[in-house]
Amino acid sequence: MLAFFTTIHVLLCIFMILVILLQPGKDAGMGAALGGGAATSAFGGRGAVTFLSKVTAACAVAFFVTSLGLSLVGLKTSAVSKSSLVAKQHEDADKAKAAEEAAKAPAPATLEKGEAQPPPPTPAPDAPKAIDAVPADKVP
């Protein structure tokens, strides 16, 4: 159904472009080049502009309706992807991945009886202060 409405939407777009190009403009543009003069005589002096403008308006309304429908379908599918069921499936997959990584990680070394524990790490020395960078004879 989505493919059907997308096809209708694209065809409406192309048809609307053609109808707009056929309308006579200030200089009778594409309408005269493609036989717009004959259409004017067939529909009357003012009839061709009115007919083409009505077709353009109908195409525009149909184009907007299909655009709105396609955006609502896209919104609905995006809401479904964020649903709690999908979120729970992602959460379960993340937990399984974390458990798998924990199983692959090496076990921490255990001390046997009688072994001494390693000494605690020593803290880093303090950073030099700005006053230490200036020689003592230059300090006021």
C-alpha atoms as a PDB file:
ATOM      1  CA  MET A   1       0.000   0.000   0.000  1.00  0.00           C
ATOM      2  CA  LEU A   2       2.881   2.334   0.793  1.00  0.00           C
ATOM      3  CA  ALA A   3       4.422   1.668  -2.620  1.00  0.00           C
ATOM      4  CA  PHE A   4       1.096   2.445  -4.293  1.00  0.00           C
ATOM      5  CA  PHE A   5       0.740   5.820  -2.573  1.00  0.00           C
ATOM      6  CA  THR A   6       4.393   6.659  -3.222  1.00  0.00           C
ATOM      7  CA  THR A   7       3.881   5.932  -6.930  1.00  0.00           C
ATOM      8  CA  ILE A   8       0.731   8.085  -7.021  1.00  0.00           C
ATOM      9  CA  HIS A   9       2.623  10.849  -5.223  1.00  0.00           C
ATOM     10  CA  VAL A  10       5.476  10.832  -7.744  1.00  0.00           C
ATOM     11  CA  LEU A  11       3.093  10.737 -10.718  1.00  0.00           C
ATOM     12  CA  LEU A  12       1.125  13.665  -9.291  1.00  0.00           C
ATOM     13  CA  CYS A  13       4.363  15.577  -8.879  1.00  0.00           C
ATOM     14  CA  ILE A  14       5.381  15.010 -12.497  1.00  0.00           C
ATOM     15  CA  PHE A  15       1.876  15.792 -13.801  1.00  0.00           C
ATOM     16  CA  MET A  16       1.711  18.984 -11.735  1.00  0.00           C
ATOM     17  CA  ILE A  17       5.061  20.129 -13.135  1.00  0.00           C
ATOM     18  CA  LEU A  18       3.802  19.577 -16.677  1.00  0.00           C
ATOM     19  CA  VAL A  19       0.515  21.385 -16.044  1.00  0.00           C
ATOM     20  CA  ILE A  20       2.318  24.357 -14.525  1.00  0.00           C
ATOM     21  CA  LEU A  21       4.698  24.538 -17.487  1.00  0.00           C
ATOM     22  CA  LEU A  22       1.764  24.476 -19.914  1.00  0.00           C
ATOM     23  CA  GLN A  23       0.144  27.550 -18.414  1.00  0.00           C
ATOM     24  CA  PRO A  24       0.706  30.645 -20.473  1.00  0.00           C
ATOM     25  CA  GLY A  25       2.754  33.148 -18.600  1.00  0.00           C
ATOM     26  CA  LYS A  26       3.500  36.766 -19.283  1.00  0.00           C
ATOM     27  CA  ASP A  27       5.149  35.863 -22.584  1.00  0.00           C
ATOM     28  CA  ALA A  28       3.043  32.729 -23.245  1.00  0.00           C
ATOM     29  CA  GLY A  29       6.175  30.630 -22.403  1.00  0.00           C
ATOM     30  CA  MET A  30       5.958  26.843 -22.681  1.00  0.00           C
ATOM     31  CA  GLY A  31       2.216  26.901 -23.305  1.00  0.00           C
ATOM     32  CA  ALA A  32       2.655  28.454 -26.746  1.00  0.00           C
ATOM     33  CA  ALA A  33       5.620  26.218 -27.599  1.00  0.00           C
ATOM     34  CA  LEU A  34       3.625  23.044 -26.911  1.00  0.00           C
ATOM     35  CA  GLY A  35       0.400  24.055 -28.608  1.00  0.00           C
ATOM     36  CA  GLY A  36      -1.013  26.329 -25.945  1.00  0.00           C
ATOM     37  CA  GLY A  37      -2.424  28.634 -28.587  1.00  0.00           C
ATOM     38  CA  ALA A  38      -4.584  25.827 -29.960  1.00  0.00           C
ATOM     39  CA  ALA A  39      -5.833  25.030 -26.477  1.00  0.00           C
ATOM     40  CA  THR A  40      -6.760  28.661 -25.951  1.00  0.00           C
ATOM     41  CA  SER A  41      -8.866  28.710 -29.080  1.00  0.00           C
ATOM     42  CA  ALA A  42     -10.499  25.392 -28.182  1.00  0.00           C
ATOM     43  CA  PHE A  43     -11.483  26.508 -24.688  1.00  0.00           C
ATOM     44  CA  GLY A  44     -12.238  30.104 -25.492  1.00  0.00           C
ATOM     45  CA  GLY A  45     -10.306  33.278 -24.769  1.00  0.00           C
ATOM     46  CA  ARG A  46     -10.207  32.906 -21.006  1.00  0.00           C
ATOM     47  CA  GLY A  47     -11.179  29.234 -20.699  1.00  0.00           C
ATOM     48  CA  ALA A  48      -7.710  27.704 -21.100  1.00  0.00           C
ATOM     49  CA  VAL A  49      -6.249  29.630 -18.179  1.00  0.00           C
ATOM     50  CA  THR A  50      -9.206  28.742 -15.981  1.00  0.00           C
ATOM     51  CA  PHE A  51      -9.111  25.068 -16.996  1.00  0.00           C
ATOM     52  CA  LEU A  52      -5.340  24.785 -16.449  1.00  0.00           C
ATOM     53  CA  SER A  53      -5.537  26.618 -13.143  1.00  0.00           C
ATOM     54  CA  LYS A  54      -8.309  24.261 -11.961  1.00  0.00           C
ATOM     55  CA  VAL A  55      -6.230  21.221 -12.981  1.00  0.00           C
ATOM     56  CA  THR A  56      -3.213  22.728 -11.191  1.00  0.00           C
ATOM     57  CA  ALA A  57      -5.274  23.335  -8.043  1.00  0.00           C
ATOM     58  CA  ALA A  58      -6.640  19.772  -8.097  1.00  0.00           C
ATOM     59  CA  CYS A  59      -3.138  18.358  -8.564  1.00  0.00           C
ATOM     60  CA  ALA A  60      -1.821  20.526  -5.744  1.00  0.00           C
ATOM     61  CA  VAL A  61      -4.561  19.368  -3.352  1.00  0.00           C
ATOM     62  CA  ALA A  62      -3.954  15.721  -4.254  1.00  0.00           C
ATOM     63  CA  PHE A  63      -0.188  16.228  -3.879  1.00  0.00           C
ATOM     64  CA  PHE A  64      -0.615  17.751  -0.412  1.00  0.00           C
ATOM     65  CA  VAL A  65      -2.957  14.938   0.663  1.00  0.00           C
ATOM     66  CA  THR A  66      -0.507  12.252  -0.479  1.00  0.00           C
ATOM     67  CA  SER A  67       2.369  14.140   1.168  1.00  0.00           C
ATOM     68  CA  LEU A  68       0.461  14.295   4.445  1.00  0.00           C
ATOM     69  CA  GLY A  69      -0.509  10.627   4.204  1.00  0.00           C
ATOM     70  CA  LEU A  70       3.054   9.507   3.499  1.00  0.00           C
ATOM     71  CA  SER A  71       4.410  11.586   6.379  1.00  0.00           C
ATOM     72  CA  LEU A  72       1.834  10.111   8.757  1.00  0.00           C
ATOM     73  CA  VAL A  73       2.788   6.593   7.663  1.00  0.00           C
ATOM     74  CA  GLY A  74       6.450   7.484   8.265  1.00  0.00           C
ATOM     75  CA  LEU A  75       5.593   8.885  11.684  1.00  0.00           C
ATOM     76  CA  LYS A  76       3.627   5.757  12.578  1.00  0.00           C
ATOM     77  CA  THR A  77       6.506   3.446  11.585  1.00  0.00           C
ATOM     78  CA  SER A  78       8.978   5.576  13.512  1.00  0.00           C
ATOM     79  CA  ALA A  79       6.711   5.439  16.590  1.00  0.00           C
ATOM     80  CA  VAL A  80       6.510   1.663  16.257  1.00  0.00           C
ATOM     81  CA  SER A  81      10.292   1.413  16.212  1.00  0.00           C
ATOM     82  CA  LYS A  82      10.412   3.311  19.511  1.00  0.00           C
ATOM     83  CA  SER A  83       7.723   1.207  21.177  1.00  0.00           C
ATOM     84  CA  SER A  84       8.322  -0.547  24.458  1.00  0.00           C
ATOM     85  CA  LEU A  85       8.446  -3.980  22.828  1.00  0.00           C
ATOM     86  CA  VAL A  86      11.249  -2.950  20.502  1.00  0.00           C
ATOM     87  CA  ALA A  87      13.008  -1.132  23.344  1.00  0.00           C
ATOM     88  CA  LYS A  88      12.804  -4.286  25.495  1.00  0.00           C
ATOM     89  CA  GLN A  89      14.270  -6.364  22.668  1.00  0.00           C
ATOM     90  CA  HIS A  90      17.153  -3.916  22.323  1.00  0.00           C
ATOM     91  CA  GLU A  91      17.698  -3.944  26.085  1.00  0.00           C
ATOM     92  CA  ASP A  92      17.799  -7.752  26.136  1.00  0.00           C
ATOM     93  CA  ALA A  93      20.272  -7.759  23.245  1.00  0.00           C
ATOM     94  CA  ASP A  94      22.492  -5.246  25.060  1.00  0.00           C
ATOM     95  CA  LYS A  95      22.439  -7.375  28.231  1.00  0.00           C
ATOM     96  CA  ALA A  96      23.362 -10.483  26.246  1.00  0.00           C
ATOM     97  CA  LYS A  97      26.223  -8.622  24.558  1.00  0.00           C
ATOM     98  CA  ALA A  98      27.517  -7.343  27.911  1.00  0.00           C
ATOM     99  CA  ALA A  99      27.371 -10.856  29.375  1.00  0.00           C
ATOM    100  CA  GLU A 100      29.255 -12.223  26.374  1.00  0.00           C
ATOM    101  CA  GLU A 101      31.974  -9.584  26.734  1.00  0.00           C
ATOM    102  CA  ALA A 102      32.257 -10.292  30.463  1.00  0.00           C
ATOM    103  CA  ALA A 103      32.719 -13.983  29.718  1.00  0.00           C
ATOM    104  CA  LYS A 104      35.527 -13.200  27.250  1.00  0.00           C
ATOM    105  CA  ALA A 105      37.399 -10.902  29.658  1.00  0.00           C
ATOM    106  CA  PRO A 106      40.211 -12.604  31.629  1.00  0.00           C
ATOM    107  CA  ALA A 107      39.486 -13.319  35.267  1.00  0.00           C
ATOM    108  CA  PRO A 108      41.421 -11.186  37.771  1.00  0.00           C
ATOM    109  CA  ALA A 109      44.491 -12.879  39.233  1.00  0.00           C
ATOM    110  CA  THR A 110      43.887 -14.331  42.672  1.00  0.00           C
ATOM    111  CA  LEU A 111      46.537 -14.536  45.336  1.00  0.00           C
ATOM    112  CA  GLU A 112      47.378 -17.901  46.722  1.00  0.00           C
ATOM    113  CA  LYS A 113      48.003 -18.409  50.415  1.00  0.00           C
ATOM    114  CA  GLY A 114      51.329 -17.079  51.523  1.00  0.00           C
ATOM    115  CA  GLU A 115      51.798 -14.610  48.650  1.00  0.00           C
ATOM    116  CA  ALA A 116      52.314 -10.973  49.516  1.00  0.00           C
ATOM    117  CA  GLN A 117      49.928  -8.429  48.141  1.00  0.00           C
ATOM    118  CA  PRO A 118      51.387  -5.937  45.704  1.00  0.00           C
ATOM    119  CA  PRO A 119      52.071  -2.492  47.169  1.00  0.00           C
ATOM    120  CA  PRO A 120      49.461   0.193  46.603  1.00  0.00           C
ATOM    121  CA  PRO A 121      50.166   2.585  43.751  1.00  0.00           C
ATOM    122  CA  THR A 122      52.158   5.689  44.654  1.00  0.00           C
ATOM    123  CA  PRO A 123      50.550   9.061  44.010  1.00  0.00           C
ATOM    124  CA  ALA A 124      51.978  11.296  41.326  1.00  0.00           C
ATOM    125  CA  PRO A 125      54.258  14.146  42.472  1.00  0.00           C
ATOM    126  CA  ASP A 126      52.778  17.616  42.726  1.00  0.00           C
ATOM    127  CA  ALA A 127      52.962  19.735  39.615  1.00  0.00           C
ATOM    128  CA  PRO A 128      55.572  22.517  39.686  1.00  0.00           C
ATOM    129  CA  LYS A 129      54.224  25.906  40.649  1.00  0.00           C
ATOM    130  CA  ALA A 130      54.772  29.073  38.628  1.00  0.00           C
ATOM    131  CA  ILE A 131      57.127  30.439  41.289  1.00  0.00           C
ATOM    132  CA  ASP A 132      59.382  27.382  40.854  1.00  0.00           C
ATOM    133  CA  ALA A 133      59.960  28.246  37.196  1.00  0.00           C
ATOM    134  CA  VAL A 134      61.596  31.630  38.009  1.00  0.00           C
ATOM    135  CA  PRO A 135      65.142  31.627  39.369  1.00  0.00           C
ATOM    136  CA  ALA A 136      65.406  32.770  42.973  1.00  0.00           C
ATOM    137  CA  ASP A 137      67.591  35.785  42.159  1.00  0.00           C
ATOM    138  CA  LYS A 138      64.941  37.159  39.749  1.00  0.00           C
ATOM    139  CA  VAL A 139      62.081  37.059  42.255  1.00  0.00           C
ATOM    140  CA  PRO A 140      61.404  40.534  43.751  1.00  0.00           C
END
